[in-house]
Amino acid sequence: MHDRIIALGYALPTIFITAFPSADLKANALAKGALAVLEKPVDPDAIAHWLSVALDAP
């Protein structure tokens, strides 16, 4: 879905959350502009940080 959104010309701040992280997934997502790739279970502080980055909030 992320690839399709990019193909349509949108650049939305994206945070991936996955239970099955891999180096390839992370490298591919970050290369295509994702802000972060987080592993489940996600640390609440990490979510708060990346949401504030995505929303450009302090």
C-alpha atoms as a PDB file:
ATOM      1  CA  MET A   1       0.000   0.000   0.000  1.00  0.00           C
ATOM      2  CA  HIS A   2       2.869   2.374   0.799  1.00  0.00           C
ATOM      3  CA  ASP A   3       4.284   1.875  -2.695  1.00  0.00           C
ATOM      4  CA  ARG A   4       0.896   2.690  -4.232  1.00  0.00           C
ATOM      5  CA  ILE A   5       0.508   5.871  -2.179  1.00  0.00           C
ATOM      6  CA  ILE A   6       3.955   7.009  -3.326  1.00  0.00           C
ATOM      7  CA  ALA A   7       3.113   6.110  -6.948  1.00  0.00           C
ATOM      8  CA  LEU A   8       0.030   8.320  -6.721  1.00  0.00           C
ATOM      9  CA  GLY A   9       2.300  11.222  -5.770  1.00  0.00           C
ATOM     10  CA  TYR A  10       1.542  11.507  -2.074  1.00  0.00           C
ATOM     11  CA  ALA A  11       4.248  11.872   0.562  1.00  0.00           C
ATOM     12  CA  LEU A  12       2.515  11.049   3.830  1.00  0.00           C
ATOM     13  CA  PRO A  13       4.512  10.570   7.022  1.00  0.00           C
ATOM     14  CA  THR A  14       4.458   6.803   7.494  1.00  0.00           C
ATOM     15  CA  ILE A  15       5.289   4.659  10.514  1.00  0.00           C
ATOM     16  CA  PHE A  16       5.390   0.917   9.963  1.00  0.00           C
ATOM     17  CA  ILE A  17       4.572  -1.411  12.856  1.00  0.00           C
ATOM     18  CA  THR A  18       5.342  -5.080  12.338  1.00  0.00           C
ATOM     19  CA  ALA A  19       5.635  -8.295  14.287  1.00  0.00           C
ATOM     20  CA  PHE A  20       8.072  -9.654  11.701  1.00  0.00           C
ATOM     21  CA  PRO A  21      10.829  -7.101  11.175  1.00  0.00           C
ATOM     22  CA  SER A  22      13.669  -7.816   8.819  1.00  0.00           C
ATOM     23  CA  ALA A  23      16.648  -5.794   7.720  1.00  0.00           C
ATOM     24  CA  ASP A  24      15.314  -5.780   4.137  1.00  0.00           C
ATOM     25  CA  LEU A  25      11.878  -4.529   5.192  1.00  0.00           C
ATOM     26  CA  LYS A  26      13.370  -1.762   7.299  1.00  0.00           C
ATOM     27  CA  ALA A  27      15.874  -0.687   4.639  1.00  0.00           C
ATOM     28  CA  ASN A  28      13.210  -0.692   1.911  1.00  0.00           C
ATOM     29  CA  ALA A  29      10.664   1.259   3.973  1.00  0.00           C
ATOM     30  CA  LEU A  30      13.177   3.866   5.120  1.00  0.00           C
ATOM     31  CA  ALA A  31      14.596   4.260   1.592  1.00  0.00           C
ATOM     32  CA  LYS A  32      11.083   5.024   0.353  1.00  0.00           C
ATOM     33  CA  GLY A  33      10.540   7.715   2.954  1.00  0.00           C
ATOM     34  CA  ALA A  34       9.002   5.988   5.963  1.00  0.00           C
ATOM     35  CA  LEU A  35       9.802   7.701   9.239  1.00  0.00           C
ATOM     36  CA  ALA A  36      10.296   4.520  11.228  1.00  0.00           C
ATOM     37  CA  VAL A  37       9.803   0.775  11.332  1.00  0.00           C
ATOM     38  CA  LEU A  38       8.785  -0.329  14.815  1.00  0.00           C
ATOM     39  CA  GLU A  39       8.639  -3.874  16.149  1.00  0.00           C
ATOM     40  CA  LYS A  40       5.683  -5.237  18.104  1.00  0.00           C
ATOM     41  CA  PRO A  41       5.146  -4.958  20.967  1.00  0.00           C
ATOM     42  CA  VAL A  42       5.751  -1.260  20.459  1.00  0.00           C
ATOM     43  CA  ASP A  43       7.161   0.826  23.260  1.00  0.00           C
ATOM     44  CA  PRO A  44       4.667   3.627  24.106  1.00  0.00           C
ATOM     45  CA  ASP A  45       7.474   6.177  24.255  1.00  0.00           C
ATOM     46  CA  ALA A  46       8.603   5.202  20.747  1.00  0.00           C
ATOM     47  CA  ILE A  47       5.070   5.618  19.390  1.00  0.00           C
ATOM     48  CA  ALA A  48       4.744   8.993  21.113  1.00  0.00           C
ATOM     49  CA  HIS A  49       8.075  10.132  19.682  1.00  0.00           C
ATOM     50  CA  TRP A  50       7.355   9.089  16.093  1.00  0.00           C
ATOM     51  CA  LEU A  51       3.813  10.460  16.185  1.00  0.00           C
ATOM     52  CA  SER A  52       5.149  13.812  17.336  1.00  0.00           C
ATOM     53  CA  VAL A  53       7.717  13.716  14.501  1.00  0.00           C
ATOM     54  CA  ALA A  54       4.991  12.818  11.991  1.00  0.00           C
ATOM     55  CA  LEU A  55       2.724  15.590  13.243  1.00  0.00           C
ATOM     56  CA  ASP A  56       5.627  18.039  13.538  1.00  0.00           C
ATOM     57  CA  ALA A  57       4.821  18.594  17.197  1.00  0.00           C
ATOM     58  CA  PRO A  58       7.301  19.076  20.064  1.00  0.00           C
END
